[in-house]
């Protein structure tokens, strides 16, 4: 199951992550970004939804192409 996680950063911005759970454990986390305004936050949430939607219907949930290396 994939879901979007929002959290407060130490600088006061809002961070956005896409997390994937198997059972009760988070097995993969992809940092989408952080935003300090509502407009930027909406853009990040849209990007996060796109990441989840692009993976629906595939046999294996794979976020490797979105990870920064």
PDB file of N, CA and C in Angstrom:
ATOM      1  N   UNK A   1       0.842  -1.168   0.000  1.00  0.00           N
ATOM      2  CA  UNK A   1       0.000   0.000   0.000  1.00  0.00           C
ATOM      3  C   UNK A   1       0.894   1.241   0.000  1.00  0.00           C
ATOM      4  N   UNK A   2       0.614   2.163  -0.871  1.00  0.00           N
ATOM      5  CA  UNK A   2       1.371   3.414  -0.928  1.00  0.00           C
ATOM      6  C   UNK A   2       0.505   4.541  -0.369  1.00  0.00           C
ATOM      7  N   UNK A   3       1.172   5.482   0.289  1.00  0.00           N
ATOM      8  CA  UNK A   3       0.452   6.638   0.812  1.00  0.00           C
ATOM      9  C   UNK A   3       1.377   7.842   0.845  1.00  0.00           C
ATOM     10  N   UNK A   4       0.777   9.014   0.973  1.00  0.00           N
ATOM     11  CA  UNK A   4       1.512  10.274   1.024  1.00  0.00           C
ATOM     12  C   UNK A   4       1.631  10.697   2.479  1.00  0.00           C
ATOM     13  N   UNK A   5       2.838  11.041   2.874  1.00  0.00           N
ATOM     14  CA  UNK A   5       3.096  11.484   4.242  1.00  0.00           C
ATOM     15  C   UNK A   5       3.525  12.939   4.211  1.00  0.00           C
ATOM     16  N   UNK A   6       2.878  13.760   5.039  1.00  0.00           N
ATOM     17  CA  UNK A   6       3.272  15.161   5.216  1.00  0.00           C
ATOM     18  C   UNK A   6       3.805  15.311   6.632  1.00  0.00           C
ATOM     19  N   UNK A   7       4.866  16.121   6.773  1.00  0.00           N
ATOM     20  CA  UNK A   7       5.459  16.332   8.087  1.00  0.00           C
ATOM     21  C   UNK A   7       6.108  17.711   8.129  1.00  0.00           C
ATOM     22  N   UNK A   8       6.331  18.211   9.330  1.00  0.00           N
ATOM     23  CA  UNK A   8       6.989  19.499   9.518  1.00  0.00           C
ATOM     24  C   UNK A   8       8.498  19.297   9.580  1.00  0.00           C
ATOM     25  N   UNK A   9       9.228  20.109   8.830  1.00  0.00           N
ATOM     26  CA  UNK A   9      10.689  20.056   8.876  1.00  0.00           C
ATOM     27  C   UNK A   9      11.175  20.958  10.006  1.00  0.00           C
ATOM     28  N   UNK A  10      12.468  20.879  10.312  1.00  0.00           N
ATOM     29  CA  UNK A  10      13.017  21.706  11.392  1.00  0.00           C
ATOM     30  C   UNK A  10      12.977  23.190  11.044  1.00  0.00           C
ATOM     31  N   UNK A  11      12.952  23.505   9.741  1.00  0.00           N
ATOM     32  CA  UNK A  11      12.893  24.908   9.337  1.00  0.00           C
ATOM     33  C   UNK A  11      11.462  25.446   9.319  1.00  0.00           C
ATOM     34  N   UNK A  12      10.488  24.593   9.586  1.00  0.00           N
ATOM     35  CA  UNK A  12       9.093  25.023   9.612  1.00  0.00           C
ATOM     36  C   UNK A  12       8.340  24.770   8.319  1.00  0.00           C
ATOM     37  N   UNK A  13       9.030  24.288   7.302  1.00  0.00           N
ATOM     38  CA  UNK A  13       8.375  23.954   6.039  1.00  0.00           C
ATOM     39  C   UNK A  13       7.612  22.637   6.207  1.00  0.00           C
ATOM     40  N   UNK A  14       6.840  22.275   5.189  1.00  0.00           N
ATOM     41  CA  UNK A  14       6.125  21.007   5.193  1.00  0.00           C
ATOM     42  C   UNK A  14       6.780  20.084   4.186  1.00  0.00           C
ATOM     43  N   UNK A  15       7.239  18.928   4.666  1.00  0.00           N
ATOM     44  CA  UNK A  15       7.856  17.936   3.796  1.00  0.00           C
ATOM     45  C   UNK A  15       6.813  16.959   3.293  1.00  0.00           C
ATOM     46  N   UNK A  16       7.072  16.400   2.097  1.00  0.00           N
ATOM     47  CA  UNK A  16       6.158  15.430   1.492  1.00  0.00           C
ATOM     48  C   UNK A  16       6.968  14.209   1.083  1.00  0.00           C
ATOM     49  N   UNK A  17       6.471  13.039   1.458  1.00  0.00           N
ATOM     50  CA  UNK A  17       7.093  11.768   1.094  1.00  0.00           C
ATOM     51  C   UNK A  17       6.032  10.821   0.559  1.00  0.00           C
ATOM     52  N   UNK A  18       6.455   9.901  -0.310  1.00  0.00           N
ATOM     53  CA  UNK A  18       5.612   8.780  -0.712  1.00  0.00           C
ATOM     54  C   UNK A  18       6.189   7.562  -0.015  1.00  0.00           C
ATOM     55  N   UNK A  19       5.355   6.883   0.774  1.00  0.00           N
ATOM     56  CA  UNK A  19       5.791   5.714   1.527  1.00  0.00           C
ATOM     57  C   UNK A  19       5.039   4.486   1.034  1.00  0.00           C
ATOM     58  N   UNK A  20       5.710   3.358   1.084  1.00  0.00           N
ATOM     59  CA  UNK A  20       5.095   2.091   0.694  1.00  0.00           C
ATOM     60  C   UNK A  20       5.199   1.127   1.863  1.00  0.00           C
ATOM     61  N   UNK A  21       4.059   0.587   2.256  1.00  0.00           N
ATOM     62  CA  UNK A  21       3.999  -0.338   3.384  1.00  0.00           C
ATOM     63  C   UNK A  21       3.723  -1.749   2.890  1.00  0.00           C
ATOM     64  N   UNK A  22       4.357  -2.705   3.538  1.00  0.00           N
ATOM     65  CA  UNK A  22       4.018  -4.116   3.381  1.00  0.00           C
ATOM     66  C   UNK A  22       3.709  -4.614   4.779  1.00  0.00           C
ATOM     67  N   UNK A  23       2.484  -4.983   4.991  1.00  0.00           N
ATOM     68  CA  UNK A  23       2.047  -5.333   6.343  1.00  0.00           C
ATOM     69  C   UNK A  23       2.040  -4.077   7.191  1.00  0.00           C
ATOM     70  N   UNK A  24       2.712  -4.120   8.323  1.00  0.00           N
ATOM     71  CA  UNK A  24       2.784  -2.949   9.203  1.00  0.00           C
ATOM     72  C   UNK A  24       4.106  -2.217   9.099  1.00  0.00           C
ATOM     73  N   UNK A  25       4.941  -2.566   8.138  1.00  0.00           N
ATOM     74  CA  UNK A  25       6.268  -1.967   8.018  1.00  0.00           C
ATOM     75  C   UNK A  25       6.390  -1.104   6.772  1.00  0.00           C
ATOM     76  N   UNK A  26       7.007   0.041   6.922  1.00  0.00           N
ATOM     77  CA  UNK A  26       7.329   0.888   5.774  1.00  0.00           C
ATOM     78  C   UNK A  26       8.601   0.318   5.163  1.00  0.00           C
ATOM     79  N   UNK A  27       8.527  -0.090   3.886  1.00  0.00           N
ATOM     80  CA  UNK A  27       9.668  -0.727   3.242  1.00  0.00           C
ATOM     81  C   UNK A  27      10.357   0.195   2.242  1.00  0.00           C
ATOM     82  N   UNK A  28       9.698   1.278   1.847  1.00  0.00           N
ATOM     83  CA  UNK A  28      10.287   2.196   0.878  1.00  0.00           C
ATOM     84  C   UNK A  28       9.746   3.588   1.136  1.00  0.00           C
ATOM     85  N   UNK A  29      10.639   4.572   1.123  1.00  0.00           N
ATOM     86  CA  UNK A  29      10.245   5.962   1.288  1.00  0.00           C
ATOM     87  C   UNK A  29      10.959   6.794   0.239  1.00  0.00           C
ATOM     88  N   UNK A  30      10.194   7.625  -0.468  1.00  0.00           N
ATOM     89  CA  UNK A  30      10.767   8.521  -1.471  1.00  0.00           C
ATOM     90  C   UNK A  30      10.451   9.951  -1.062  1.00  0.00           C
ATOM     91  N   UNK A  31      11.487  10.754  -0.914  1.00  0.00           N
ATOM     92  CA  UNK A  31      11.318  12.159  -0.576  1.00  0.00           C
ATOM     93  C   UNK A  31      10.891  12.911  -1.832  1.00  0.00           C
ATOM     94  N   UNK A  32       9.723  13.552  -1.792  1.00  0.00           N
ATOM     95  CA  UNK A  32       9.241  14.327  -2.924  1.00  0.00           C
ATOM     96  C   UNK A  32       9.778  15.748  -2.843  1.00  0.00           C
ATOM     97  N   UNK A  33       9.797  16.326  -1.650  1.00  0.00           N
ATOM     98  CA  UNK A  33      10.333  17.676  -1.468  1.00  0.00           C
ATOM     99  C   UNK A  33       9.744  18.334  -0.240  1.00  0.00           C
ATOM    100  N   UNK A  34      10.057  19.620  -0.082  1.00  0.00           N
ATOM    101  CA  UNK A  34       9.492  20.389   1.021  1.00  0.00           C
ATOM    102  C   UNK A  34       9.048  21.745   0.489  1.00  0.00           C
ATOM    103  N   UNK A  35       8.023  22.292   1.122  1.00  0.00           N
ATOM    104  CA  UNK A  35       7.432  23.541   0.656  1.00  0.00           C
ATOM    105  C   UNK A  35       7.134  24.446   1.837  1.00  0.00           C
ATOM    106  N   UNK A  36       7.311  25.739   1.611  1.00  0.00           N
ATOM    107  CA  UNK A  36       7.014  26.702   2.671  1.00  0.00           C
ATOM    108  C   UNK A  36       5.787  27.545   2.348  1.00  0.00           C
ATOM    109  N   UNK A  37       5.124  27.271   1.217  1.00  0.00           N
ATOM    110  CA  UNK A  37       3.890  27.984   0.884  1.00  0.00           C
ATOM    111  C   UNK A  37       2.826  26.971   0.463  1.00  0.00           C
ATOM    112  N   UNK A  38       1.575  27.391   0.527  1.00  0.00           N
ATOM    113  CA  UNK A  38       0.463  26.507   0.162  1.00  0.00           C
ATOM    114  C   UNK A  38       0.509  26.132  -1.320  1.00  0.00           C
ATOM    115  N   UNK A  39       0.907  27.069  -2.167  1.00  0.00           N
ATOM    116  CA  UNK A  39       0.977  26.808  -3.615  1.00  0.00           C
ATOM    117  C   UNK A  39       2.033  25.741  -3.892  1.00  0.00           C
ATOM    118  N   UNK A  40       3.194  25.883  -3.286  1.00  0.00           N
ATOM    119  CA  UNK A  40       4.264  24.903  -3.474  1.00  0.00           C
ATOM    120  C   UNK A  40       3.872  23.549  -2.896  1.00  0.00           C
ATOM    121  N   UNK A  41       3.168  23.545  -1.771  1.00  0.00           N
ATOM    122  CA  UNK A  41       2.714  22.299  -1.163  1.00  0.00           C
ATOM    123  C   UNK A  41       1.744  21.566  -2.084  1.00  0.00           C
ATOM    124  N   UNK A  42       0.829  22.293  -2.691  1.00  0.00           N
ATOM    125  CA  UNK A  42      -0.117  21.676  -3.627  1.00  0.00           C
ATOM    126  C   UNK A  42       0.609  21.048  -4.814  1.00  0.00           C
ATOM    127  N   UNK A  43       1.652  21.699  -5.308  1.00  0.00           N
ATOM    128  CA  UNK A  43       2.440  21.142  -6.411  1.00  0.00           C
ATOM    129  C   UNK A  43       3.117  19.844  -5.995  1.00  0.00           C
ATOM    130  N   UNK A  44       3.662  19.826  -4.772  1.00  0.00           N
ATOM    131  CA  UNK A  44       4.317  18.613  -4.288  1.00  0.00           C
ATOM    132  C   UNK A  44       3.320  17.479  -4.094  1.00  0.00           C
ATOM    133  N   UNK A  45       2.146  17.801  -3.576  1.00  0.00           N
ATOM    134  CA  UNK A  45       1.124  16.768  -3.382  1.00  0.00           C
ATOM    135  C   UNK A  45       0.658  16.206  -4.726  1.00  0.00           C
ATOM    136  N   UNK A  46       0.553  17.071  -5.726  1.00  0.00           N
ATOM    137  CA  UNK A  46       0.172  16.617  -7.063  1.00  0.00           C
ATOM    138  C   UNK A  46       1.248  15.690  -7.626  1.00  0.00           C
ATOM    139  N   UNK A  47       2.519  16.050  -7.422  1.00  0.00           N
ATOM    140  CA  UNK A  47       3.620  15.212  -7.877  1.00  0.00           C
ATOM    141  C   UNK A  47       3.601  13.860  -7.159  1.00  0.00           C
ATOM    142  N   UNK A  48       3.338  13.873  -5.850  1.00  0.00           N
ATOM    143  CA  UNK A  48       3.282  12.637  -5.076  1.00  0.00           C
ATOM    144  C   UNK A  48       2.138  11.746  -5.556  1.00  0.00           C
ATOM    145  N   UNK A  49       0.976  12.344  -5.835  1.00  0.00           N
ATOM    146  CA  UNK A  49      -0.148  11.555  -6.358  1.00  0.00           C
ATOM    147  C   UNK A  49       0.206  10.962  -7.715  1.00  0.00           C
ATOM    148  N   UNK A  50       0.945  11.718  -8.525  1.00  0.00           N
ATOM    149  CA  UNK A  50       1.382  11.205  -9.820  1.00  0.00           C
ATOM    150  C   UNK A  50       2.318  10.019  -9.680  1.00  0.00           C
ATOM    151  N   UNK A  51       3.198  10.059  -8.686  1.00  0.00           N
ATOM    152  CA  UNK A  51       4.099   8.937  -8.442  1.00  0.00           C
ATOM    153  C   UNK A  51       3.297   7.688  -8.091  1.00  0.00           C
ATOM    154  N   UNK A  52       2.317   7.846  -7.217  1.00  0.00           N
ATOM    155  CA  UNK A  52       1.500   6.695  -6.819  1.00  0.00           C
ATOM    156  C   UNK A  52       0.660   6.208  -7.989  1.00  0.00           C
ATOM    157  N   UNK A  53       0.026   7.116  -8.715  1.00  0.00           N
ATOM    158  CA  UNK A  53      -0.837   6.729  -9.833  1.00  0.00           C
ATOM    159  C   UNK A  53      -0.059   6.055 -10.952  1.00  0.00           C
ATOM    160  N   UNK A  54       1.178   6.470 -11.174  1.00  0.00           N
ATOM    161  CA  UNK A  54       1.957   5.869 -12.257  1.00  0.00           C
ATOM    162  C   UNK A  54       2.346   4.432 -11.941  1.00  0.00           C
ATOM    163  N   UNK A  55       2.322   4.055 -10.687  1.00  0.00           N
ATOM    164  CA  UNK A  55       2.699   2.708 -10.286  1.00  0.00           C
ATOM    165  C   UNK A  55       1.505   1.773 -10.131  1.00  0.00           C
ATOM    166  N   UNK A  56       0.293   2.288 -10.157  1.00  0.00           N
ATOM    167  CA  UNK A  56      -0.881   1.421  -9.996  1.00  0.00           C
ATOM    168  C   UNK A  56      -0.976   0.456 -11.174  1.00  0.00           C
ATOM    169  N   UNK A  57      -1.353  -0.742 -10.865  1.00  0.00           N
ATOM    170  CA  UNK A  57      -1.553  -1.741 -11.904  1.00  0.00           C
ATOM    171  C   UNK A  57      -0.293  -2.497 -12.290  1.00  0.00           C
ATOM    172  N   UNK A  58       0.839  -2.131 -11.738  1.00  0.00           N
ATOM    173  CA  UNK A  58       2.055  -2.874 -12.024  1.00  0.00           C
ATOM    174  C   UNK A  58       2.185  -3.997 -11.009  1.00  0.00           C
ATOM    175  N   UNK A  59       2.825  -5.083 -11.392  1.00  0.00           N
ATOM    176  CA  UNK A  59       2.915  -6.215 -10.469  1.00  0.00           C
ATOM    177  C   UNK A  59       3.755  -5.940  -9.230  1.00  0.00           C
ATOM    178  N   UNK A  60       4.705  -5.017  -9.334  1.00  0.00           N
ATOM    179  CA  UNK A  60       5.556  -4.720  -8.187  1.00  0.00           C
ATOM    180  C   UNK A  60       5.698  -3.221  -8.046  1.00  0.00           C
ATOM    181  N   UNK A  61       5.518  -2.709  -6.873  1.00  0.00           N
ATOM    182  CA  UNK A  61       5.628  -1.278  -6.614  1.00  0.00           C
ATOM    183  C   UNK A  61       7.101  -0.905  -6.610  1.00  0.00           C
ATOM    184  N   UNK A  62       7.518  -0.042  -7.542  1.00  0.00           N
ATOM    185  CA  UNK A  62       8.929   0.294  -7.687  1.00  0.00           C
ATOM    186  C   UNK A  62       9.086   1.811  -7.762  1.00  0.00           C
ATOM    187  N   UNK A  63       9.683   2.403  -6.739  1.00  0.00           N
ATOM    188  CA  UNK A  63       9.896   3.847  -6.710  1.00  0.00           C
ATOM    189  C   UNK A  63      11.344   4.227  -6.997  1.00  0.00           C
ATOM    190  N   UNK A  64      12.171   3.273  -7.409  1.00  0.00           N
ATOM    191  CA  UNK A  64      13.596   3.546  -7.612  1.00  0.00           C
ATOM    192  C   UNK A  64      13.844   4.674  -8.598  1.00  0.00           C
ATOM    193  N   UNK A  65      13.030   4.806  -9.630  1.00  0.00           N
ATOM    194  CA  UNK A  65      13.291   5.843 -10.626  1.00  0.00           C
ATOM    195  C   UNK A  65      13.005   7.243 -10.083  1.00  0.00           C
ATOM    196  N   UNK A  66      12.329   7.355  -8.941  1.00  0.00           N
ATOM    197  CA  UNK A  66      12.054   8.659  -8.355  1.00  0.00           C
ATOM    198  C   UNK A  66      13.055   9.025  -7.255  1.00  0.00           C
ATOM    199  N   UNK A  67      13.876   8.092  -6.854  1.00  0.00           N
ATOM    200  CA  UNK A  67      14.834   8.347  -5.787  1.00  0.00           C
ATOM    201  C   UNK A  67      16.008   9.162  -6.313  1.00  0.00           C
ATOM    202  N   UNK A  68      16.465  10.104  -5.485  1.00  0.00           N
ATOM    203  CA  UNK A  68      17.658  10.856  -5.845  1.00  0.00           C
ATOM    204  C   UNK A  68      18.870  10.000  -5.517  1.00  0.00           C
ATOM    205  N   UNK A  69      19.801   9.958  -6.433  1.00  0.00           N
ATOM    206  CA  UNK A  69      20.990   9.121  -6.227  1.00  0.00           C
ATOM    207  C   UNK A  69      22.207   9.945  -6.122  1.00  0.00           C
TER     208      UNK A  69
END
